[in-house]
Protein backbone atom coordinates (compact mmCIF):
# COMPACT_ATOMS: atom_id res chain seq x y z
CA UNK A 1 6.27 -18.86 29.30
CA UNK A 2 5.43 -19.62 25.66
CA UNK A 3 6.74 -17.19 23.14
CA UNK A 4 5.47 -13.72 24.06
CA UNK A 5 3.77 -11.43 21.55
CA UNK A 6 6.19 -8.58 22.30
CA UNK A 7 9.86 -8.35 23.15
CA UNK A 8 10.84 -5.11 24.97
CA UNK A 9 14.51 -4.18 24.67
CA UNK A 10 15.98 -1.59 27.04
CA UNK A 11 19.59 -0.41 26.84
CA UNK A 12 20.80 1.23 30.03
CA UNK A 13 23.95 3.10 30.96
CA UNK A 14 24.17 4.44 34.52
CA UNK A 15 20.41 5.05 34.81
CA UNK A 16 19.60 2.75 37.70
CA UNK A 17 16.78 4.80 39.30
CA UNK A 18 15.18 5.67 35.99
CA UNK A 19 15.47 2.10 34.78
CA UNK A 20 13.78 0.92 37.97
CA UNK A 21 10.90 3.33 37.46
CA UNK A 22 10.55 2.20 33.85
CA UNK A 23 10.45 -1.50 34.84
CA UNK A 24 7.89 -0.77 37.58
CA UNK A 25 5.67 0.97 35.02
CA UNK A 26 5.93 -2.02 32.70
CA UNK A 27 5.04 -4.39 35.55
CA UNK A 28 1.82 -2.44 36.09
CA UNK A 29 0.71 -3.12 32.52
CA UNK A 30 1.84 -6.74 32.25
CA UNK A 31 -1.73 -7.95 31.74
CA UNK A 32 -2.32 -5.87 28.60
CA UNK A 33 -0.23 -8.07 26.32
CA UNK A 34 2.22 -10.92 26.73
CA UNK A 35 5.73 -9.53 26.69
CA UNK A 36 9.26 -10.28 27.75
CA UNK A 37 11.78 -7.66 28.85
CA UNK A 38 15.46 -7.76 27.88
CA UNK A 39 17.71 -5.21 29.59
CA UNK A 40 21.17 -4.64 28.15
CA UNK A 41 23.49 -2.96 30.62
CA UNK A 42 26.36 -1.11 28.99
CA UNK A 43 28.88 -1.60 31.83
CA UNK A 44 27.13 0.77 34.21
CA UNK A 45 28.95 1.82 37.37
CA UNK A 46 25.81 2.52 39.44
CA UNK A 47 24.77 -1.05 40.36
CA UNK A 48 22.10 -1.13 37.70
CA UNK A 49 22.66 -4.81 37.01
CA UNK A 50 22.40 -5.77 40.70
CA UNK A 51 19.16 -3.74 40.94
CA UNK A 52 17.64 -5.61 37.99
CA UNK A 53 18.69 -9.01 39.31
CA UNK A 54 17.43 -8.31 42.81
CA UNK A 55 14.19 -6.48 42.07
CA UNK A 56 13.09 -7.76 38.67
CA UNK A 57 13.98 -11.43 38.40
CA UNK A 58 11.61 -11.86 35.48
CA UNK A 59 13.80 -9.57 33.33
CA UNK A 60 16.44 -11.16 31.12
CA UNK A 61 19.68 -9.24 31.73
CA UNK A 62 22.57 -8.93 29.30
CA UNK A 63 25.68 -7.43 30.92
CA UNK A 64 28.34 -5.90 28.73
CA UNK A 65 31.88 -5.52 30.05
CA UNK A 66 32.23 -2.14 28.30
CA UNK A 67 29.97 0.57 26.90
CA UNK A 68 29.23 -0.64 23.38
CA UNK A 69 26.95 2.26 22.51
CA UNK A 70 23.26 2.09 21.69
CA UNK A 71 23.34 0.32 18.30
CA UNK A 72 25.67 -2.51 19.25
CA UNK A 73 23.96 -3.03 22.62
CA UNK A 74 20.53 -3.43 20.96
CA UNK A 75 22.06 -5.86 18.45
CA UNK A 76 23.11 -8.11 21.34
CA UNK A 77 19.42 -9.05 21.68
CA UNK A 78 18.96 -10.10 18.07
CA UNK A 79 18.97 -13.82 18.80
CA UNK A 80 17.17 -13.45 22.12
CA UNK A 81 13.95 -11.68 21.11
CA UNK A 82 11.12 -14.22 20.86
CA UNK A 83 8.23 -11.86 20.17
CA UNK A 84 6.57 -11.17 16.86
CA UNK A 85 6.96 -7.49 17.68
CA UNK A 86 9.97 -5.72 19.19
CA UNK A 87 9.85 -2.47 21.18
CA UNK A 88 13.10 -0.57 21.56
CA UNK A 89 12.52 1.49 24.71
CA UNK A 90 14.70 3.98 26.52
CA UNK A 91 15.37 3.44 30.20
CA UNK A 92 14.28 6.99 30.99
CA UNK A 93 10.62 6.38 30.10
CA UNK A 94 7.39 5.64 31.94
CA UNK A 95 4.75 3.53 30.19
CA UNK A 96 1.11 4.36 31.06
CA UNK A 97 -1.75 1.89 30.64
CA UNK A 98 -3.01 1.09 27.08
CA UNK A 99 0.14 2.35 25.28
CA UNK A 100 1.61 -1.12 24.64
CA UNK A 101 -1.68 -2.66 23.68
CA UNK A 102 -2.87 0.10 21.37
CA UNK A 103 0.42 0.49 19.52
CA UNK A 104 0.76 -3.28 18.97
CA UNK A 105 -2.87 -3.42 17.86
CA UNK A 106 -2.15 -0.67 15.32
CA UNK A 107 0.67 -2.77 13.77
CA UNK A 108 -1.59 -5.79 13.70
CA UNK A 109 -4.29 -3.85 11.88
CA UNK A 110 -1.93 -2.18 9.41
CA UNK A 111 0.26 -4.83 7.76
CA UNK A 112 2.03 -2.25 5.55
CA UNK A 113 3.41 -0.39 8.60
CA UNK A 114 6.87 -1.49 9.62
CA UNK A 115 7.42 0.76 12.67
CA UNK A 116 5.69 3.33 14.77
CA UNK A 117 6.06 5.53 17.82
CA UNK A 118 3.57 7.22 20.09
CA UNK A 119 3.48 10.73 21.50
CA UNK A 120 6.46 11.39 23.78
CA UNK A 121 5.72 13.76 26.66
CA UNK A 122 8.45 15.44 28.67
CA UNK A 123 8.22 15.81 32.48
CA UNK A 124 7.23 19.44 31.89
CA UNK A 125 4.15 18.27 30.06
CA UNK A 126 5.40 19.51 26.72
CA UNK A 127 5.73 17.24 23.73
CA UNK A 128 9.17 15.89 22.90
CA UNK A 129 9.45 17.26 19.36
CA UNK A 130 11.99 14.60 18.41
CA UNK A 131 9.28 11.94 18.49
CA UNK A 132 8.68 12.54 14.78
CA UNK A 133 11.36 13.82 12.40
CA UNK A 134 12.25 14.20 8.76
CA UNK A 135 15.55 13.08 7.34
CA UNK A 136 17.99 16.01 7.41
CA UNK A 137 18.50 16.96 3.79
CA UNK A 138 20.68 20.02 3.03
CA UNK A 139 17.58 22.27 3.03
CA UNK A 140 16.22 20.90 6.30
CA UNK A 141 19.68 21.09 7.84
CA UNK A 142 19.94 24.76 6.83
CA UNK A 143 16.49 25.73 8.13
CA UNK A 144 16.61 23.64 11.31
CA UNK A 145 20.23 23.53 12.44
CA UNK A 146 21.70 26.83 11.21
CA UNK A 147 18.98 29.40 10.57
CA UNK A 148 16.56 27.83 13.08
CA UNK A 149 13.64 29.11 11.03
CA UNK A 150 11.38 26.39 12.41
CA UNK A 151 11.55 28.18 15.78
CA UNK A 152 10.37 31.40 14.10
CA UNK A 153 7.82 29.79 11.80
CA UNK A 154 6.88 26.64 13.79
CA UNK A 155 3.92 25.69 11.58
CA UNK A 156 5.45 26.47 8.17
CA UNK A 157 5.51 23.61 5.69
CA UNK A 158 8.59 25.18 4.09
CA UNK A 159 10.64 25.97 7.20
CA UNK A 160 9.34 23.47 9.78
CA UNK A 161 9.68 20.19 7.97
CA UNK A 162 12.15 18.59 10.42
CA UNK A 163 9.67 18.37 13.33
CA UNK A 164 6.58 18.23 11.13
CA UNK A 165 5.39 21.45 12.72
CA UNK A 166 2.79 21.93 9.98
CA UNK A 167 0.96 18.74 11.10
CA UNK A 168 -0.92 18.69 14.41
CA UNK A 169 0.90 16.60 17.06
CA UNK A 170 -2.51 14.96 17.72
CA UNK A 171 -2.78 13.59 14.19
CA UNK A 172 -1.66 10.11 13.18
CA UNK A 173 0.53 10.37 10.11
CA UNK A 174 3.42 8.87 8.20
CA UNK A 175 6.91 10.18 9.02
CA UNK A 176 10.49 9.69 7.88
CA UNK A 177 11.87 8.62 11.23
CA UNK A 178 10.87 8.03 14.82
CA UNK A 179 12.94 8.40 17.96
CA UNK A 180 14.55 5.37 19.56
CA UNK A 181 12.97 6.19 22.91
CA UNK A 182 9.85 4.28 21.79
CA UNK A 183 10.32 2.46 18.53
CA UNK A 184 7.88 -0.38 18.04
CA UNK A 185 8.54 -2.62 15.02
CA UNK A 186 8.18 -6.16 13.76
CA UNK A 187 10.87 -8.75 14.39
CA UNK A 188 10.77 -9.74 10.73
CA UNK A 189 11.32 -6.13 9.69
CA UNK A 190 14.43 -5.96 11.89
CA UNK A 191 15.72 -9.21 10.42
CA UNK A 192 14.97 -7.95 6.93
CA UNK A 193 16.99 -4.73 7.35
CA UNK A 194 19.80 -6.31 9.39
CA UNK A 195 19.16 -4.61 12.74
CA UNK A 196 21.13 -1.53 13.82
CA UNK A 197 24.16 -0.18 11.98
CA UNK A 198 27.02 -0.28 14.50
CA UNK A 199 28.86 2.55 12.76
CA UNK A 200 26.82 4.76 15.11
CA UNK A 201 27.83 4.78 18.75
CA UNK A 202 25.10 7.03 20.10
CA UNK A 203 22.39 8.97 18.21
CA UNK A 204 21.69 8.56 14.51
CA UNK A 205 21.25 4.79 14.63
CA UNK A 206 17.47 5.22 14.89
CA UNK A 207 17.44 7.53 11.84
CA UNK A 208 19.57 5.14 9.83
CA UNK A 209 17.34 2.21 10.83
CA UNK A 210 14.24 4.10 9.66
CA UNK A 211 15.97 4.93 6.38
CA UNK A 212 16.55 1.24 5.70
CA UNK A 213 13.02 0.29 6.78
CA UNK A 214 11.63 2.81 4.25
CA UNK A 215 13.89 1.42 1.54
CA UNK A 216 12.32 -2.00 2.06
CA UNK A 217 8.93 -0.51 1.33
CA UNK A 218 7.52 -0.26 4.86
CA UNK A 219 5.67 2.76 6.25
CA UNK A 220 6.67 4.42 9.53
CA UNK A 221 3.90 6.01 11.58
CA UNK A 222 3.61 8.58 14.34
CA UNK A 223 0.61 7.45 16.43
CA UNK A 224 -0.38 10.02 19.13
CA UNK A 225 -3.49 8.23 20.37
CA UNK A 226 -1.39 7.11 23.31
CA UNK A 227 1.77 8.46 24.94
CA UNK A 228 4.68 7.80 27.26
CA UNK A 229 6.70 10.06 29.56
CA UNK A 230 10.25 10.63 28.37
CA UNK A 231 12.73 12.05 30.90
CA UNK A 232 15.29 12.48 28.09
CA UNK A 233 19.07 12.77 28.14
CA UNK A 234 19.75 10.91 31.38
CA UNK A 235 22.68 8.86 30.04
CA UNK A 236 24.28 12.02 28.59
CA UNK A 237 24.37 13.98 31.84
CA UNK A 238 22.04 16.70 30.62
CA UNK A 239 20.52 19.24 32.98
CA UNK A 240 17.50 18.28 35.06
CA UNK A 241 16.51 17.17 38.55
CA UNK A 242 17.60 13.60 37.74
CA UNK A 243 20.90 14.68 36.15
CA UNK A 244 23.77 12.24 36.47
CA UNK A 245 27.04 13.97 37.28
CA UNK A 246 29.54 13.26 34.55
CA UNK A 247 32.95 14.73 33.74
CA UNK A 248 33.44 17.50 31.20
CA UNK A 249 35.22 15.04 28.92
CA UNK A 250 32.20 12.70 29.01
CA UNK A 251 29.81 15.57 28.36
CA UNK A 252 31.78 16.69 25.34
CA UNK A 253 31.88 13.07 24.06
CA UNK A 254 28.16 12.48 24.49
CA UNK A 255 27.05 15.84 23.17
CA UNK A 256 29.09 15.60 19.99
CA UNK A 257 28.08 12.04 19.16
CA UNK A 258 24.89 13.31 17.49
CA UNK A 259 26.95 15.55 15.20
CA UNK A 260 29.31 12.65 14.35
CA UNK A 261 26.23 10.63 13.49
CA UNK A 262 24.97 13.40 11.19
CA UNK A 263 28.13 13.10 9.15
CA UNK A 264 28.01 9.30 9.09
CA UNK A 265 24.37 9.30 7.96
CA UNK A 266 24.92 11.97 5.31
CA UNK A 267 27.96 10.18 3.83
CA UNK A 268 26.18 6.80 3.82
CA UNK A 269 22.66 7.72 2.72
CA UNK A 270 22.60 11.17 1.07
CA UNK A 271 26.04 11.82 -0.44
CA UNK A 272 25.19 10.23 -3.80
CA UNK A 273 22.00 12.30 -4.13
CA UNK A 274 23.58 15.77 -4.27
CA UNK A 275 26.37 17.57 -6.19
CA UNK A 276 29.91 17.32 -4.83
CA UNK A 277 30.19 21.00 -3.99
CA UNK A 278 26.99 20.90 -1.97
CA UNK A 279 28.19 17.79 -0.20
CA UNK A 280 31.41 19.54 0.80
CA UNK A 281 29.46 22.50 2.16
CA UNK A 282 27.22 20.20 4.18
CA UNK A 283 30.17 18.36 5.74
CA UNK A 284 31.85 21.66 6.59
CA UNK A 285 28.60 22.82 8.16
CA UNK A 286 28.37 19.67 10.26
CA UNK A 287 31.97 20.11 11.44
CA UNK A 288 31.21 23.72 12.38
CA UNK A 289 28.19 22.54 14.43
CA UNK A 290 30.46 20.10 16.25
CA UNK A 291 32.96 22.81 17.15
CA UNK A 292 30.20 25.12 18.40
CA UNK A 293 28.68 22.35 20.45
CA UNK A 294 32.05 21.55 22.04
CA UNK A 295 32.60 25.23 22.89
CA UNK A 296 29.13 25.54 24.38
CA UNK A 297 29.67 22.48 26.51
CA UNK A 298 33.03 23.80 27.81
CA UNK A 299 31.57 27.22 28.61
CA UNK A 300 28.26 26.15 30.08
CA UNK A 301 29.16 22.72 31.38
């Protein structure tokens, strides 16, 4: 095959069945646009690699001998992606017809847009609110993480800035950051910003990437004209009918990584923008969230 228009990168960790469903959905839309698929397996123990080799020989498989985390695993494809556009796609997603074509067409038609996502729909039919997010400044952290005022005032521009609750989820608009479950970008944008920051093991790397894309002058867009299904949380052993059984130690590890990433992101990108005392309070708040999340995991499993 000559160079495809799109490179689709999927990182998988013990999500064999979900990964298979995702690859089947991609096979059904293979005539929409020329694309290649690169699967990076993070040392799964569920025969994911064998499944890919046996059932999807057209997929290029990268096998890691240990779990490198999401950022480092994606970076393994940096020299392998041949497409003009790159889609970072979660293994726990299903891609309906027209999504690939319409999102790539949007980038083609809007040369000032560096990245975009589509609407993410959960199996329940509800929208995955994390599809579009604001950077967590001290104010947004207070209203979203601690006081949870965006749950009480879900459409308030003051209290619901994190999930953009004051903008209709059916409206195309510019956002701070998009979720890594469906992050479509340009290969030259990735090369320009240096790909993913490997300081993040899991969670936060997508936010940091969007920060750097913005800093280079590119726009990031939430485009809800099309959608995907997002199972969500499969690699972390979260509750659900497709839950993967993991040990308590693993659950604590996975469910605190997002909090660790908050601290990394704040120290790297926001620390210099606020007074020292406020920074200390923010870090203490983040540490408190981590403790509470650990306790919740221990109690509830």
